[in-house]
N, C-alpha and C. Protein backbone atom coordinates (compact mmCIF):
# COMPACT_ATOMS: atom_id res chain seq x y z
N MET A 1 189.49 -90.04 128.94
CA MET A 1 188.08 -89.68 128.90
C MET A 1 187.51 -89.79 130.32
N HIS A 2 187.06 -88.68 130.86
CA HIS A 2 186.60 -88.65 132.24
C HIS A 2 185.12 -88.29 132.29
N ILE A 3 184.33 -89.15 132.93
CA ILE A 3 182.91 -88.88 133.17
C ILE A 3 182.73 -88.72 134.67
N ALA A 4 182.26 -87.58 135.11
CA ALA A 4 182.06 -87.30 136.53
C ALA A 4 180.57 -87.31 136.86
N ILE A 5 180.22 -87.99 137.93
CA ILE A 5 178.83 -88.03 138.39
C ILE A 5 178.73 -87.18 139.65
N LEU A 6 178.13 -85.99 139.54
CA LEU A 6 178.02 -85.09 140.67
C LEU A 6 177.05 -85.69 141.68
N THR A 7 177.54 -85.87 142.89
CA THR A 7 176.80 -86.60 143.93
C THR A 7 176.90 -85.82 145.23
N PHE A 8 175.76 -85.30 145.68
CA PHE A 8 175.74 -84.43 146.85
C PHE A 8 175.11 -85.16 148.04
N ASP A 9 175.30 -84.60 149.24
CA ASP A 9 174.61 -85.16 150.40
C ASP A 9 173.10 -85.20 150.12
N GLY A 10 172.48 -86.31 150.53
CA GLY A 10 171.07 -86.51 150.26
C GLY A 10 170.83 -87.18 148.92
N PHE A 11 171.90 -87.66 148.27
CA PHE A 11 171.77 -88.21 146.92
C PHE A 11 170.88 -89.46 146.89
N ASN A 12 170.31 -89.69 145.72
CA ASN A 12 169.52 -90.89 145.46
C ASN A 12 170.46 -91.98 144.95
N GLU A 13 170.56 -93.08 145.67
CA GLU A 13 171.51 -94.14 145.32
C GLU A 13 171.26 -94.67 143.92
N LEU A 14 170.00 -94.89 143.55
CA LEU A 14 169.70 -95.45 142.24
C LEU A 14 170.19 -94.54 141.12
N ASP A 15 170.01 -93.26 141.29
CA ASP A 15 170.36 -92.31 140.23
C ASP A 15 171.86 -92.27 139.98
N SER A 16 172.64 -92.19 141.04
CA SER A 16 174.08 -92.08 140.86
C SER A 16 174.74 -93.43 140.58
N LEU A 17 174.34 -94.46 141.30
CA LEU A 17 175.09 -95.71 141.25
C LEU A 17 174.71 -96.63 140.10
N ILE A 18 173.45 -96.59 139.64
CA ILE A 18 173.12 -97.35 138.44
C ILE A 18 173.89 -96.79 137.25
N ALA A 19 173.88 -95.46 137.12
CA ALA A 19 174.63 -94.84 136.03
C ALA A 19 176.11 -95.16 136.14
N TYR A 20 176.64 -95.10 137.35
CA TYR A 20 178.07 -95.40 137.57
C TYR A 20 178.39 -96.81 137.09
N GLY A 21 177.56 -97.79 137.48
CA GLY A 21 177.83 -99.17 137.10
C GLY A 21 177.79 -99.39 135.61
N ILE A 22 176.82 -98.80 134.93
CA ILE A 22 176.71 -98.97 133.49
C ILE A 22 177.85 -98.26 132.77
N LEU A 23 178.15 -97.04 133.18
CA LEU A 23 179.25 -96.30 132.56
C LEU A 23 180.58 -97.01 132.75
N ALA A 24 180.77 -97.62 133.92
CA ALA A 24 182.03 -98.31 134.18
C ALA A 24 182.21 -99.51 133.26
N ARG A 25 181.11 -100.10 132.79
CA ARG A 25 181.19 -101.23 131.86
C ARG A 25 181.93 -100.86 130.58
N ALA A 26 181.83 -99.60 130.19
CA ALA A 26 182.44 -99.15 128.93
C ALA A 26 183.95 -99.08 129.01
N ARG A 27 184.52 -99.26 130.21
CA ARG A 27 185.97 -99.21 130.36
C ARG A 27 186.66 -100.31 129.56
N ALA A 28 185.97 -101.41 129.36
CA ALA A 28 186.57 -102.54 128.63
C ALA A 28 186.88 -102.18 127.19
N ARG A 29 186.23 -101.17 126.65
CA ARG A 29 186.42 -100.79 125.25
C ARG A 29 187.38 -99.62 125.06
N GLN A 30 187.72 -98.93 126.15
CA GLN A 30 188.55 -97.73 126.02
C GLN A 30 189.46 -97.62 127.23
N ALA A 31 190.74 -97.73 126.99
CA ALA A 31 191.72 -97.82 128.10
C ALA A 31 191.71 -96.58 128.99
N ASP A 32 191.49 -95.40 128.41
CA ASP A 32 191.57 -94.18 129.21
C ASP A 32 190.22 -93.77 129.79
N TRP A 33 189.25 -94.68 129.75
CA TRP A 33 187.90 -94.40 130.23
C TRP A 33 187.88 -94.36 131.75
N ARG A 34 187.39 -93.28 132.32
CA ARG A 34 187.37 -93.12 133.77
C ARG A 34 186.02 -92.56 134.21
N VAL A 35 185.42 -93.19 135.19
CA VAL A 35 184.15 -92.73 135.74
C VAL A 35 184.36 -92.44 137.23
N SER A 36 183.94 -91.27 137.68
CA SER A 36 184.17 -90.86 139.06
C SER A 36 182.91 -90.36 139.72
N ILE A 37 182.76 -90.71 140.99
CA ILE A 37 181.80 -90.03 141.85
C ILE A 37 182.46 -88.74 142.31
N ALA A 38 181.85 -87.62 141.95
CA ALA A 38 182.42 -86.31 142.27
C ALA A 38 181.52 -85.61 143.28
N SER A 39 182.13 -85.01 144.29
CA SER A 39 181.33 -84.38 145.34
C SER A 39 182.13 -83.27 146.01
N PRO A 40 181.43 -82.27 146.55
CA PRO A 40 182.14 -81.26 147.34
C PRO A 40 182.53 -81.76 148.72
N THR A 41 182.04 -82.92 149.11
CA THR A 41 182.40 -83.52 150.40
C THR A 41 183.08 -84.86 150.15
N ALA A 42 183.96 -85.23 151.05
CA ALA A 42 184.75 -86.46 150.87
C ALA A 42 183.89 -87.72 150.94
N HIS A 43 182.84 -87.67 151.77
CA HIS A 43 181.99 -88.84 151.95
C HIS A 43 180.52 -88.44 151.91
N PRO A 44 179.96 -88.24 150.72
CA PRO A 44 178.54 -87.88 150.65
C PRO A 44 177.66 -89.00 151.21
N VAL A 45 176.58 -88.58 151.85
CA VAL A 45 175.64 -89.52 152.49
C VAL A 45 174.30 -89.43 151.77
N SER A 46 173.76 -90.57 151.39
CA SER A 46 172.52 -90.61 150.63
C SER A 46 171.32 -90.26 151.51
N TRP A 47 170.17 -90.10 150.88
CA TRP A 47 168.94 -89.78 151.61
C TRP A 47 168.58 -90.86 152.63
N SER A 48 169.02 -92.09 152.39
CA SER A 48 168.68 -93.20 153.30
C SER A 48 169.83 -93.56 154.24
N GLY A 49 170.96 -92.81 154.15
CA GLY A 49 172.04 -93.03 155.09
C GLY A 49 173.24 -93.78 154.56
N LEU A 50 173.26 -94.11 153.26
CA LEU A 50 174.42 -94.78 152.68
C LEU A 50 175.56 -93.77 152.54
N ARG A 51 176.71 -94.10 153.10
CA ARG A 51 177.89 -93.21 153.05
C ARG A 51 178.88 -93.80 152.06
N ILE A 52 179.27 -93.00 151.08
CA ILE A 52 180.21 -93.47 150.07
C ILE A 52 181.40 -92.52 150.01
N GLU A 53 182.41 -92.93 149.29
CA GLU A 53 183.62 -92.11 149.17
C GLU A 53 183.66 -91.44 147.81
N ALA A 54 183.83 -90.14 147.81
CA ALA A 54 184.00 -89.42 146.55
C ALA A 54 185.37 -89.72 145.97
N GLN A 55 185.44 -89.79 144.65
CA GLN A 55 186.70 -90.07 143.97
C GLN A 55 187.37 -88.81 143.44
N CYS A 56 186.61 -87.73 143.37
CA CYS A 56 187.20 -86.44 142.99
C CYS A 56 186.31 -85.32 143.48
N GLY A 57 186.86 -84.13 143.51
CA GLY A 57 186.10 -82.96 143.94
C GLY A 57 185.46 -82.25 142.75
N LEU A 58 184.78 -81.16 143.04
CA LEU A 58 184.07 -80.44 141.99
C LEU A 58 185.02 -79.80 140.99
N ASP A 59 186.17 -79.32 141.43
CA ASP A 59 187.11 -78.70 140.50
C ASP A 59 187.49 -79.66 139.38
N GLU A 60 187.80 -80.89 139.75
CA GLU A 60 188.17 -81.87 138.73
C GLU A 60 186.97 -82.24 137.86
N ALA A 61 185.80 -82.32 138.47
CA ALA A 61 184.60 -82.64 137.71
C ALA A 61 184.31 -81.59 136.64
N LEU A 62 184.56 -80.34 136.97
CA LEU A 62 184.25 -79.27 136.02
C LEU A 62 185.11 -79.33 134.76
N SER A 63 186.22 -80.04 134.82
CA SER A 63 187.08 -80.19 133.66
C SER A 63 186.86 -81.53 132.94
N ALA A 64 185.88 -82.32 133.41
CA ALA A 64 185.63 -83.64 132.82
C ALA A 64 185.04 -83.51 131.42
N ASP A 65 185.17 -84.57 130.65
CA ASP A 65 184.60 -84.59 129.30
C ASP A 65 183.08 -84.66 129.33
N ALA A 66 182.55 -85.29 130.36
CA ALA A 66 181.11 -85.40 130.53
C ALA A 66 180.78 -85.32 132.02
N VAL A 67 179.66 -84.69 132.34
CA VAL A 67 179.23 -84.55 133.73
C VAL A 67 177.77 -84.98 133.82
N LEU A 68 177.50 -85.90 134.73
CA LEU A 68 176.14 -86.31 135.02
C LEU A 68 175.79 -85.77 136.40
N ILE A 69 174.73 -84.97 136.47
CA ILE A 69 174.30 -84.39 137.75
C ILE A 69 173.24 -85.30 138.34
N GLY A 70 173.60 -85.96 139.43
CA GLY A 70 172.66 -86.85 140.09
C GLY A 70 171.60 -86.06 140.87
N SER A 71 170.59 -86.76 141.31
CA SER A 71 169.51 -86.10 142.05
C SER A 71 169.59 -86.46 143.52
N GLY A 72 168.71 -85.86 144.30
CA GLY A 72 168.70 -86.16 145.72
C GLY A 72 167.66 -85.34 146.46
N ALA A 73 167.56 -85.63 147.75
CA ALA A 73 166.53 -85.01 148.57
C ALA A 73 166.81 -83.56 148.92
N ARG A 74 168.03 -83.09 148.67
CA ARG A 74 168.41 -81.74 149.11
C ARG A 74 168.65 -80.79 147.93
N THR A 75 168.20 -81.15 146.73
CA THR A 75 168.52 -80.33 145.57
C THR A 75 167.98 -78.91 145.68
N ARG A 76 166.79 -78.76 146.24
CA ARG A 76 166.24 -77.40 146.39
C ARG A 76 167.10 -76.56 147.31
N GLU A 77 167.72 -77.17 148.32
CA GLU A 77 168.67 -76.45 149.16
C GLU A 77 169.94 -76.11 148.40
N LEU A 78 170.40 -77.05 147.59
CA LEU A 78 171.65 -76.86 146.86
C LEU A 78 171.57 -75.65 145.93
N VAL A 79 170.44 -75.49 145.25
CA VAL A 79 170.35 -74.39 144.29
C VAL A 79 170.25 -73.04 145.00
N GLN A 80 170.06 -73.04 146.32
CA GLN A 80 170.08 -71.79 147.10
C GLN A 80 171.47 -71.48 147.63
N ASP A 81 172.39 -72.40 147.45
CA ASP A 81 173.77 -72.22 147.92
C ASP A 81 174.54 -71.44 146.85
N GLN A 82 174.70 -70.15 147.07
CA GLN A 82 175.28 -69.29 146.05
C GLN A 82 176.73 -69.66 145.73
N ALA A 83 177.48 -70.07 146.73
CA ALA A 83 178.88 -70.43 146.49
C ALA A 83 178.95 -71.67 145.60
N LEU A 84 178.11 -72.67 145.88
CA LEU A 84 178.09 -73.89 145.08
C LEU A 84 177.65 -73.58 143.65
N MET A 85 176.59 -72.81 143.50
CA MET A 85 176.09 -72.53 142.17
C MET A 85 177.08 -71.69 141.36
N GLN A 86 177.80 -70.81 142.05
CA GLN A 86 178.84 -70.05 141.36
C GLN A 86 179.92 -70.97 140.83
N GLN A 87 180.28 -71.96 141.63
CA GLN A 87 181.29 -72.92 141.20
C GLN A 87 180.78 -73.73 140.01
N LEU A 88 179.51 -74.12 140.05
CA LEU A 88 178.96 -74.93 138.97
C LEU A 88 178.75 -74.15 137.68
N GLN A 89 178.93 -72.82 137.75
CA GLN A 89 178.87 -72.03 136.51
C GLN A 89 179.95 -72.47 135.53
N GLY A 90 180.94 -73.21 136.03
CA GLY A 90 181.99 -73.72 135.15
C GLY A 90 181.55 -74.82 134.22
N LEU A 91 180.36 -75.38 134.44
CA LEU A 91 179.83 -76.38 133.50
C LEU A 91 179.56 -75.70 132.16
N ASP A 92 179.95 -76.36 131.08
CA ASP A 92 179.88 -75.73 129.76
C ASP A 92 179.52 -76.74 128.67
N PRO A 93 178.30 -76.68 128.15
CA PRO A 93 177.91 -77.63 127.11
C PRO A 93 178.64 -77.43 125.78
N GLN A 94 179.39 -76.36 125.66
CA GLN A 94 180.20 -76.18 124.45
C GLN A 94 181.41 -77.09 124.43
N ARG A 95 181.85 -77.53 125.63
CA ARG A 95 183.03 -78.39 125.69
C ARG A 95 182.79 -79.69 126.45
N GLN A 96 181.59 -79.87 126.99
CA GLN A 96 181.26 -81.05 127.78
C GLN A 96 179.90 -81.59 127.37
N LEU A 97 179.73 -82.89 127.58
CA LEU A 97 178.38 -83.47 127.59
C LEU A 97 177.83 -83.27 129.00
N LEU A 98 176.60 -82.77 129.10
CA LEU A 98 175.96 -82.56 130.39
C LEU A 98 174.69 -83.38 130.45
N ALA A 99 174.55 -84.16 131.52
CA ALA A 99 173.37 -84.98 131.71
C ALA A 99 172.86 -84.74 133.12
N ALA A 100 171.54 -84.71 133.28
CA ALA A 100 170.96 -84.49 134.60
C ALA A 100 169.86 -85.51 134.85
N GLN A 101 169.92 -86.11 136.03
CA GLN A 101 168.95 -87.11 136.43
C GLN A 101 167.95 -86.51 137.41
N CYS A 102 166.67 -86.64 137.13
CA CYS A 102 165.60 -86.20 138.03
C CYS A 102 165.84 -84.77 138.53
N SER A 103 166.05 -84.58 139.84
CA SER A 103 166.18 -83.21 140.34
C SER A 103 167.46 -82.53 139.90
N GLY A 104 168.38 -83.29 139.30
CA GLY A 104 169.55 -82.66 138.69
C GLY A 104 169.16 -81.66 137.62
N ALA A 105 167.98 -81.87 137.02
CA ALA A 105 167.50 -80.92 136.00
C ALA A 105 167.25 -79.55 136.60
N LEU A 106 166.89 -79.50 137.90
CA LEU A 106 166.69 -78.21 138.55
C LEU A 106 167.99 -77.44 138.63
N ILE A 107 169.09 -78.13 138.86
CA ILE A 107 170.39 -77.47 138.89
C ILE A 107 170.73 -76.90 137.52
N LEU A 108 170.52 -77.69 136.47
CA LEU A 108 170.77 -77.17 135.11
C LEU A 108 169.87 -75.97 134.82
N ALA A 109 168.61 -76.04 135.25
CA ALA A 109 167.69 -74.93 135.01
C ALA A 109 168.15 -73.67 135.71
N GLU A 110 168.56 -73.81 136.96
CA GLU A 110 168.97 -72.63 137.73
C GLU A 110 170.29 -72.06 137.21
N LEU A 111 171.08 -72.89 136.55
CA LEU A 111 172.33 -72.41 135.94
C LEU A 111 172.09 -71.78 134.57
N GLY A 112 170.85 -71.81 134.10
CA GLY A 112 170.54 -71.23 132.80
C GLY A 112 170.96 -72.10 131.64
N LEU A 113 171.16 -73.39 131.90
CA LEU A 113 171.63 -74.30 130.85
C LEU A 113 170.50 -75.04 130.15
N LEU A 114 169.25 -74.74 130.55
CA LEU A 114 168.10 -75.34 129.87
C LEU A 114 167.26 -74.29 129.16
N ASN A 115 167.85 -73.14 128.91
CA ASN A 115 167.13 -72.12 128.15
C ASN A 115 166.74 -72.67 126.78
N ASP A 116 165.45 -72.65 126.49
CA ASP A 116 164.91 -73.13 125.21
C ASP A 116 165.10 -74.64 125.03
N ILE A 117 165.43 -75.36 126.09
CA ILE A 117 165.55 -76.81 126.03
C ILE A 117 164.56 -77.41 127.00
N PRO A 118 163.58 -78.18 126.54
CA PRO A 118 162.68 -78.84 127.48
C PRO A 118 163.42 -79.92 128.25
N ALA A 119 162.86 -80.31 129.38
CA ALA A 119 163.57 -81.25 130.26
C ALA A 119 162.67 -82.39 130.71
N CYS A 120 163.31 -83.46 131.13
CA CYS A 120 162.64 -84.56 131.81
C CYS A 120 163.11 -84.54 133.26
N THR A 121 162.20 -84.85 134.16
CA THR A 121 162.55 -84.91 135.57
C THR A 121 161.53 -85.78 136.28
N ASP A 122 161.71 -85.98 137.58
CA ASP A 122 160.75 -86.78 138.34
C ASP A 122 159.52 -85.94 138.68
N LEU A 123 158.47 -86.60 139.12
CA LEU A 123 157.21 -85.91 139.35
C LEU A 123 157.27 -84.93 140.52
N THR A 124 158.11 -85.22 141.52
CA THR A 124 158.25 -84.30 142.65
C THR A 124 158.93 -83.00 142.23
N THR A 125 159.95 -83.13 141.40
CA THR A 125 160.73 -81.97 140.98
C THR A 125 160.06 -81.17 139.87
N LYS A 126 159.14 -81.79 139.16
CA LYS A 126 158.51 -81.17 137.99
C LYS A 126 158.05 -79.72 138.24
N PRO A 127 157.26 -79.44 139.28
CA PRO A 127 156.80 -78.05 139.45
C PRO A 127 157.93 -77.06 139.72
N TRP A 128 159.00 -77.51 140.35
CA TRP A 128 160.12 -76.61 140.63
C TRP A 128 160.87 -76.27 139.36
N VAL A 129 161.02 -77.25 138.47
CA VAL A 129 161.69 -76.99 137.19
C VAL A 129 160.81 -76.07 136.34
N GLN A 130 159.50 -76.28 136.40
CA GLN A 130 158.58 -75.40 135.67
C GLN A 130 158.64 -73.98 136.22
N GLU A 131 158.75 -73.84 137.54
CA GLU A 131 158.88 -72.50 138.14
C GLU A 131 160.14 -71.80 137.67
N ALA A 132 161.16 -72.59 137.31
CA ALA A 132 162.41 -72.02 136.81
C ALA A 132 162.29 -71.64 135.34
N GLY A 133 161.12 -71.83 134.76
CA GLY A 133 160.88 -71.40 133.39
C GLY A 133 161.19 -72.44 132.32
N VAL A 134 161.27 -73.70 132.73
CA VAL A 134 161.62 -74.77 131.79
C VAL A 134 160.40 -75.66 131.54
N GLU A 135 160.16 -75.98 130.29
CA GLU A 135 159.09 -76.91 129.94
C GLU A 135 159.49 -78.32 130.36
N VAL A 136 158.62 -79.02 131.05
CA VAL A 136 158.88 -80.38 131.49
C VAL A 136 158.05 -81.35 130.64
N LEU A 137 158.73 -82.32 130.07
CA LEU A 137 158.11 -83.30 129.19
C LEU A 137 157.62 -84.52 129.96
N ASN A 138 156.56 -85.13 129.47
CA ASN A 138 156.04 -86.35 130.08
C ASN A 138 156.66 -87.56 129.39
N GLN A 139 157.95 -87.70 129.53
CA GLN A 139 158.70 -88.81 128.94
C GLN A 139 159.97 -89.01 129.76
N PRO A 140 160.63 -90.18 129.59
CA PRO A 140 161.76 -90.47 130.44
C PRO A 140 163.09 -89.85 130.05
N PHE A 141 163.23 -89.45 128.79
CA PHE A 141 164.54 -88.99 128.33
C PHE A 141 164.37 -87.96 127.21
N PHE A 142 165.25 -86.97 127.24
CA PHE A 142 165.29 -85.98 126.16
C PHE A 142 166.70 -85.41 126.09
N ALA A 143 167.16 -85.14 124.88
CA ALA A 143 168.47 -84.50 124.71
C ALA A 143 168.41 -83.53 123.55
N ARG A 144 169.16 -82.47 123.67
CA ARG A 144 169.36 -81.55 122.56
C ARG A 144 170.82 -81.12 122.59
N GLY A 145 171.51 -81.37 121.49
CA GLY A 145 172.93 -81.05 121.46
C GLY A 145 173.68 -81.84 122.50
N ASN A 146 174.38 -81.13 123.37
CA ASN A 146 175.22 -81.78 124.39
C ASN A 146 174.56 -81.83 125.76
N VAL A 147 173.25 -81.60 125.83
CA VAL A 147 172.55 -81.58 127.12
C VAL A 147 171.43 -82.62 127.10
N ALA A 148 171.41 -83.47 128.11
CA ALA A 148 170.37 -84.50 128.22
C ALA A 148 169.81 -84.52 129.64
N THR A 149 168.52 -84.87 129.75
CA THR A 149 167.89 -85.03 131.05
C THR A 149 167.05 -86.30 131.03
N ALA A 150 166.84 -86.85 132.24
CA ALA A 150 166.03 -88.05 132.38
C ALA A 150 165.18 -87.94 133.62
N GLY A 151 164.00 -88.54 133.58
CA GLY A 151 163.08 -88.51 134.72
C GLY A 151 162.71 -89.90 135.18
N GLY A 152 162.81 -90.15 136.47
CA GLY A 152 162.55 -91.46 137.04
C GLY A 152 163.85 -92.20 137.30
N CYS A 153 163.98 -92.79 138.47
CA CYS A 153 165.26 -93.38 138.88
C CYS A 153 165.82 -94.34 137.84
N LEU A 154 165.00 -95.23 137.33
CA LEU A 154 165.51 -96.23 136.39
C LEU A 154 165.83 -95.66 135.02
N ALA A 155 165.41 -94.42 134.77
CA ALA A 155 165.79 -93.77 133.52
C ALA A 155 167.25 -93.36 133.53
N SER A 156 167.94 -93.55 134.65
CA SER A 156 169.38 -93.28 134.70
C SER A 156 170.13 -94.15 133.69
N SER A 157 169.57 -95.32 133.38
CA SER A 157 170.22 -96.18 132.37
C SER A 157 170.19 -95.53 130.99
N TYR A 158 169.17 -94.72 130.73
CA TYR A 158 169.11 -94.03 129.44
C TYR A 158 170.18 -92.95 129.35
N LEU A 159 170.40 -92.24 130.45
CA LEU A 159 171.47 -91.23 130.46
C LEU A 159 172.83 -91.90 130.26
N ALA A 160 173.05 -93.02 130.96
CA ALA A 160 174.32 -93.72 130.81
C ALA A 160 174.52 -94.19 129.38
N ALA A 161 173.48 -94.76 128.80
CA ALA A 161 173.57 -95.24 127.42
C ALA A 161 173.82 -94.09 126.44
N TRP A 162 173.18 -92.95 126.67
CA TRP A 162 173.39 -91.78 125.80
C TRP A 162 174.83 -91.30 125.88
N LEU A 163 175.36 -91.24 127.10
CA LEU A 163 176.76 -90.81 127.26
C LEU A 163 177.72 -91.76 126.57
N ILE A 164 177.50 -93.06 126.73
CA ILE A 164 178.38 -94.03 126.08
C ILE A 164 178.25 -93.93 124.57
N ALA A 165 177.02 -93.81 124.08
CA ALA A 165 176.82 -93.70 122.63
C ALA A 165 177.50 -92.46 122.06
N ARG A 166 177.42 -91.36 122.77
CA ARG A 166 178.04 -90.12 122.29
C ARG A 166 179.58 -90.21 122.32
N LEU A 167 180.11 -90.90 123.32
CA LEU A 167 181.56 -90.91 123.50
C LEU A 167 182.25 -92.11 122.86
N GLN A 168 181.53 -93.22 122.72
CA GLN A 168 182.14 -94.43 122.18
C GLN A 168 181.37 -95.02 121.00
N GLY A 169 180.14 -94.60 120.79
CA GLY A 169 179.36 -95.13 119.70
C GLY A 169 178.21 -96.00 120.19
N VAL A 170 177.25 -96.19 119.31
CA VAL A 170 176.02 -96.92 119.66
C VAL A 170 176.30 -98.36 120.03
N GLU A 171 177.24 -99.00 119.36
CA GLU A 171 177.51 -100.41 119.65
C GLU A 171 178.05 -100.58 121.07
N ALA A 172 178.84 -99.64 121.53
CA ALA A 172 179.33 -99.70 122.90
C ALA A 172 178.18 -99.55 123.90
N ALA A 173 177.26 -98.65 123.59
CA ALA A 173 176.09 -98.47 124.45
C ALA A 173 175.25 -99.73 124.45
N ARG A 174 175.06 -100.32 123.29
CA ARG A 174 174.29 -101.56 123.18
C ARG A 174 174.90 -102.66 124.05
N ALA A 175 176.22 -102.80 124.00
CA ALA A 175 176.90 -103.84 124.77
C ALA A 175 176.75 -103.61 126.27
N ALA A 176 176.87 -102.36 126.69
CA ALA A 176 176.77 -102.05 128.13
C ALA A 176 175.38 -102.33 128.65
N ILE A 177 174.36 -101.94 127.89
CA ILE A 177 172.98 -102.18 128.33
C ILE A 177 172.65 -103.67 128.27
N HIS A 178 173.14 -104.36 127.25
CA HIS A 178 172.88 -105.79 127.14
C HIS A 178 173.43 -106.53 128.35
N TYR A 179 174.58 -106.10 128.84
CA TYR A 179 175.19 -106.77 130.00
C TYR A 179 174.32 -106.66 131.25
N VAL A 180 173.75 -105.47 131.48
CA VAL A 180 173.01 -105.25 132.72
C VAL A 180 171.52 -105.60 132.61
N ALA A 181 171.03 -105.82 131.41
CA ALA A 181 169.60 -106.09 131.22
C ALA A 181 169.22 -107.43 131.84
N PRO A 182 167.96 -107.57 132.26
CA PRO A 182 167.51 -108.83 132.85
C PRO A 182 167.61 -110.00 131.86
N VAL A 183 167.98 -111.15 132.39
CA VAL A 183 168.03 -112.36 131.57
C VAL A 183 166.64 -112.67 131.04
N GLY A 184 166.56 -113.04 129.78
CA GLY A 184 165.29 -113.32 129.15
C GLY A 184 164.61 -112.10 128.57
N GLU A 185 165.16 -110.90 128.88
CA GLU A 185 164.58 -109.65 128.38
C GLU A 185 165.64 -108.77 127.73
N LYS A 186 166.81 -109.33 127.47
CA LYS A 186 167.93 -108.51 127.03
C LYS A 186 167.65 -107.80 125.71
N ASP A 187 167.20 -108.51 124.71
CA ASP A 187 166.96 -107.88 123.41
C ASP A 187 165.89 -106.79 123.53
N GLU A 188 164.84 -107.10 124.27
CA GLU A 188 163.76 -106.12 124.46
C GLU A 188 164.27 -104.89 125.20
N HIS A 189 165.07 -105.11 126.22
CA HIS A 189 165.58 -104.00 127.04
C HIS A 189 166.53 -103.13 126.22
N VAL A 190 167.41 -103.76 125.45
CA VAL A 190 168.34 -102.99 124.62
C VAL A 190 167.57 -102.18 123.58
N ALA A 191 166.58 -102.82 122.96
CA ALA A 191 165.80 -102.12 121.92
C ALA A 191 165.06 -100.91 122.51
N ARG A 192 164.50 -101.09 123.71
CA ARG A 192 163.78 -99.97 124.33
C ARG A 192 164.73 -98.83 124.67
N THR A 193 165.89 -99.17 125.23
CA THR A 193 166.86 -98.13 125.59
C THR A 193 167.34 -97.38 124.36
N LEU A 194 167.76 -98.11 123.33
CA LEU A 194 168.24 -97.44 122.13
C LEU A 194 167.12 -96.67 121.45
N GLY A 195 165.91 -97.17 121.55
CA GLY A 195 164.78 -96.44 120.97
C GLY A 195 164.57 -95.08 121.60
N HIS A 196 164.92 -94.98 122.89
CA HIS A 196 164.79 -93.69 123.59
C HIS A 196 165.91 -92.73 123.23
N ILE A 197 167.14 -93.25 123.05
CA ILE A 197 168.27 -92.33 122.89
C ILE A 197 168.64 -92.03 121.44
N GLU A 198 168.43 -92.98 120.55
CA GLU A 198 168.94 -92.80 119.17
C GLU A 198 168.35 -91.58 118.47
N PRO A 199 167.07 -91.23 118.68
CA PRO A 199 166.57 -90.02 118.01
C PRO A 199 167.30 -88.74 118.42
N PHE A 200 168.02 -88.79 119.54
CA PHE A 200 168.67 -87.60 120.07
C PHE A 200 170.18 -87.61 119.90
N LEU A 201 170.71 -88.60 119.23
CA LEU A 201 172.15 -88.65 119.02
C LEU A 201 172.53 -87.71 117.88
N VAL A 202 173.64 -87.00 118.07
CA VAL A 202 174.13 -86.09 117.04
C VAL A 202 175.55 -86.49 116.70
N ALA A 203 175.97 -86.08 115.52
CA ALA A 203 177.34 -86.43 115.07
C ALA A 203 178.35 -85.73 115.95
């Protein structure tokens, strides 16, 4: 089971790395569970200058069981890159779970993967997603079928929980969120997270 987190130059550390940490927690329950930072460059650099190492390229990410599209400061440039967008046409919600964080929703919109699906995104990206013809919701998380979006950096935990719940079940998602939740607030945090994702879980 491979979950790829698409991470481009200019990426937002919170969006990619919080999700990565939570998703990696689920490895304890499934031996073949693999989470990768996927990028077209070997060492993507964040908006603030953090340089990390990609674990796989886009070709491998496109064949993953689930793909989370991270956000970043250069997303509007990325969607103008015809070669990149042509490559990303390989994303397919018929065979993959697709999740997009903040400006990642703009990539899904430009790929035509949010047709008739409203989206969540951050406040900066909201008008751009609307210009792409997608309704933007005033909430942190929404999913329909195999496509989910989240708005706000810390909403990345909702995307991670949704992916774990879809791939391993709700109890696995509960355990992963419980582990990372603040001490003294664990039950409340788990309940809030599951309250956001459970209405959107499908068999």
